[in-house]
Protein backbone atom coordinates (compact mmCIF):
# COMPACT_ATOMS: atom_id res chain seq x y z
CA MET A 1 95.92 -53.23 -32.79
CA GLU A 2 92.27 -53.21 -31.71
CA TYR A 3 93.23 -54.56 -28.27
CA GLY A 4 95.42 -51.51 -27.74
CA LEU A 5 92.68 -49.19 -28.94
CA ALA A 6 90.13 -50.87 -26.65
CA LEU A 7 92.37 -50.72 -23.59
CA LEU A 8 93.38 -47.11 -24.24
CA LEU A 9 89.72 -46.21 -24.77
CA ILE A 10 88.79 -47.72 -21.44
CA ALA A 11 91.63 -45.83 -19.71
CA GLY A 12 90.70 -42.60 -21.53
CA GLY A 13 87.04 -43.18 -20.74
CA LEU A 14 87.87 -43.54 -17.06
CA LEU A 15 89.80 -40.27 -17.19
CA GLY A 16 87.04 -38.54 -19.12
CA ALA A 17 84.27 -39.70 -16.84
CA SER A 18 86.32 -39.31 -13.66
CA GLY A 19 84.18 -36.44 -12.38
CA LEU A 20 81.03 -38.54 -12.64
CA ILE A 21 82.73 -41.62 -11.20
CA ILE A 22 84.11 -39.69 -8.22
CA SER A 23 80.73 -38.08 -7.53
CA LYS A 24 79.11 -41.53 -7.36
CA LYS A 25 81.97 -43.33 -5.61
CA PRO A 26 84.37 -40.95 -3.80
CA ASP A 27 86.84 -43.68 -2.82
CA ALA A 28 87.65 -44.23 -6.52
CA LYS A 29 89.59 -40.96 -6.56
CA GLU A 30 92.79 -42.66 -5.41
CA LEU A 31 92.66 -45.19 -8.27
CA LEU A 32 91.80 -42.58 -10.90
CA ASN A 33 94.61 -40.31 -9.70
CA LYS A 34 97.05 -43.08 -10.65
CA LEU A 35 96.05 -42.62 -14.32
CA VAL A 36 96.49 -38.83 -14.35
CA PRO A 37 100.29 -38.83 -14.90
CA TYR A 38 99.73 -40.88 -18.06
CA GLN A 39 96.88 -38.69 -19.38
CA ALA A 40 98.88 -37.01 -22.16
CA GLY A 41 100.40 -40.31 -23.30
CA ILE A 42 96.98 -41.95 -23.32
CA GLY A 43 95.68 -39.02 -25.35
CA VAL A 44 98.45 -39.23 -27.95
CA GLY A 45 98.00 -43.00 -28.19
CA LEU A 46 94.24 -42.65 -28.60
CA LEU A 47 94.64 -40.04 -31.30
CA ALA A 48 97.21 -42.07 -33.22
CA LEU A 49 95.37 -45.40 -32.98
CA GLY A 50 91.99 -43.81 -33.72
CA VAL A 51 93.23 -42.15 -36.90
CA TRP A 52 95.22 -45.24 -37.92
CA ASN A 53 92.30 -47.67 -37.50
CA LEU A 54 89.86 -45.31 -39.18
CA LEU A 55 92.08 -44.81 -42.23
CA ARG A 56 93.02 -48.50 -42.36
CA THR A 57 89.42 -49.70 -42.57
CA LEU A 58 87.70 -46.82 -44.36
CA SER A 59 87.31 -48.84 -47.55
CA LEU A 60 85.54 -51.63 -45.61
CA MET A 61 83.00 -49.35 -43.95
CA SER A 62 80.04 -50.05 -46.24
CA THR A 63 80.65 -53.81 -46.13
CA LEU A 64 80.90 -53.84 -42.35
CA PHE A 65 77.71 -51.84 -41.93
CA LYS A 66 75.93 -54.18 -44.32
CA PHE A 67 76.90 -57.46 -42.63
CA ALA A 68 77.81 -56.60 -39.02
CA LYS A 69 76.00 -53.46 -37.95
CA LEU A 70 76.66 -53.57 -34.19
CA PHE A 71 80.34 -54.39 -34.69
CA ALA A 72 80.67 -51.59 -37.25
CA ILE A 73 79.00 -49.11 -34.90
CA ALA A 74 81.26 -50.22 -32.04
CA PHE A 75 84.41 -50.12 -34.19
CA TYR A 76 83.86 -46.82 -35.98
CA GLY A 77 82.40 -45.28 -32.82
CA SER A 78 85.58 -46.36 -31.05
CA CYS A 79 87.70 -44.68 -33.71
CA LEU A 80 85.77 -41.40 -33.53
CA VAL A 81 85.64 -41.31 -29.73
CA ALA A 82 89.35 -42.19 -29.60
CA ILE A 83 90.16 -39.26 -31.89
CA ALA A 84 88.04 -36.88 -29.81
CA LEU A 85 89.43 -38.06 -26.45
CA GLY A 86 92.94 -38.17 -27.89
CA PHE A 87 92.63 -34.61 -29.08
CA PHE A 88 91.25 -33.57 -25.70
CA PHE A 89 93.92 -35.26 -23.59
CA GLY A 90 96.90 -35.27 -25.95
CA MET A 91 96.74 -31.86 -27.59
CA PRO A 92 98.68 -29.97 -24.88
CA LEU A 93 101.56 -32.44 -25.26
CA ILE A 94 101.40 -32.35 -29.06
CA ALA A 95 101.40 -28.54 -28.98
CA LYS A 96 104.59 -28.61 -26.89
CA TRP A 97 106.24 -30.85 -29.51
CA ILE A 98 105.59 -28.32 -32.29
CA PRO A 99 108.90 -26.53 -32.93
CA GLY A 100 109.24 -22.79 -33.15
CA ASP A 101 107.40 -19.91 -31.60
CA SER A 102 103.84 -20.77 -32.54
CA PRO A 103 100.63 -20.05 -30.63
CA ALA A 104 99.64 -23.73 -30.93
CA GLU A 105 99.93 -24.38 -27.20
CA GLU A 106 97.58 -21.51 -26.34
CA LYS A 107 95.12 -22.57 -29.03
CA ALA A 108 95.20 -26.16 -27.73
CA GLU A 109 94.44 -24.95 -24.21
CA SER A 110 91.54 -22.80 -25.41
CA MET A 111 90.17 -25.69 -27.48
CA ALA A 112 90.45 -28.02 -24.47
CA LYS A 113 88.45 -25.51 -22.39
CA LYS A 114 85.75 -25.43 -25.08
CA LEU A 115 85.58 -29.23 -25.14
CA ALA A 116 85.54 -29.56 -21.33
CA PRO A 117 81.72 -29.75 -21.05
CA PHE A 118 81.76 -32.80 -23.31
CA GLN A 119 84.48 -34.60 -21.37
CA THR A 120 82.09 -36.74 -19.32
CA ILE A 121 79.99 -37.70 -22.35
CA LEU A 122 83.11 -38.63 -24.32
CA GLY A 123 84.40 -40.57 -21.31
CA ILE A 124 81.23 -42.63 -21.04
CA ALA A 125 81.22 -43.21 -24.81
CA GLY A 126 84.87 -44.28 -24.58
CA LEU A 127 84.10 -46.77 -21.82
CA VAL A 128 81.18 -48.25 -23.77
CA CYS A 129 82.96 -48.41 -27.13
CA GLY A 130 86.18 -49.74 -25.61
CA THR A 131 84.32 -52.44 -23.71
CA LEU A 132 82.32 -53.48 -26.78
CA LEU A 133 85.44 -53.58 -28.93
CA LEU A 134 87.25 -55.66 -26.32
CA LEU A 135 84.31 -58.08 -26.05
CA TYR A 136 84.29 -58.51 -29.83
CA ARG A 137 88.06 -59.05 -29.98
CA LEU A 138 87.94 -61.62 -27.16
CA GLY A 139 85.16 -63.50 -28.96
CA ILE A 140 82.59 -63.01 -26.21
CA LEU A 141 80.37 -61.10 -28.64
CA LYS A 142 80.22 -62.62 -32.12
CA VAL A 143 80.34 -60.73 -35.40
CA VAL A 144 77.29 -62.01 -37.20
């Protein structure tokens, strides 16, 4: 489950930080444009996995922070960044799924516009947290 969260966070982080990445390396635009069609799916996946992992391990939070601080920061940071990026990228799709004649789609668009200035920061945080989580899951970094 954490592998999926880590990989989705890296993909969402790339999408979130795409403006910064393209400004530094313009030829990366072609590669990043390949992720854009999957943006809403990545967002819904991030939101679901972020909430699921956070709720699943909420009772272990104090123990993890006591014995493995960096892992706990990486894991819970990953959950929170995943929820934020998932809300940012997945909310337009989720709003379309809501049945009936509700103003949810318009509210989601206005909320996304309000969160737009934080997109690059969330993208960088997603890349860092996803990479750390992946390194821990692969055993390259050890939980002490």
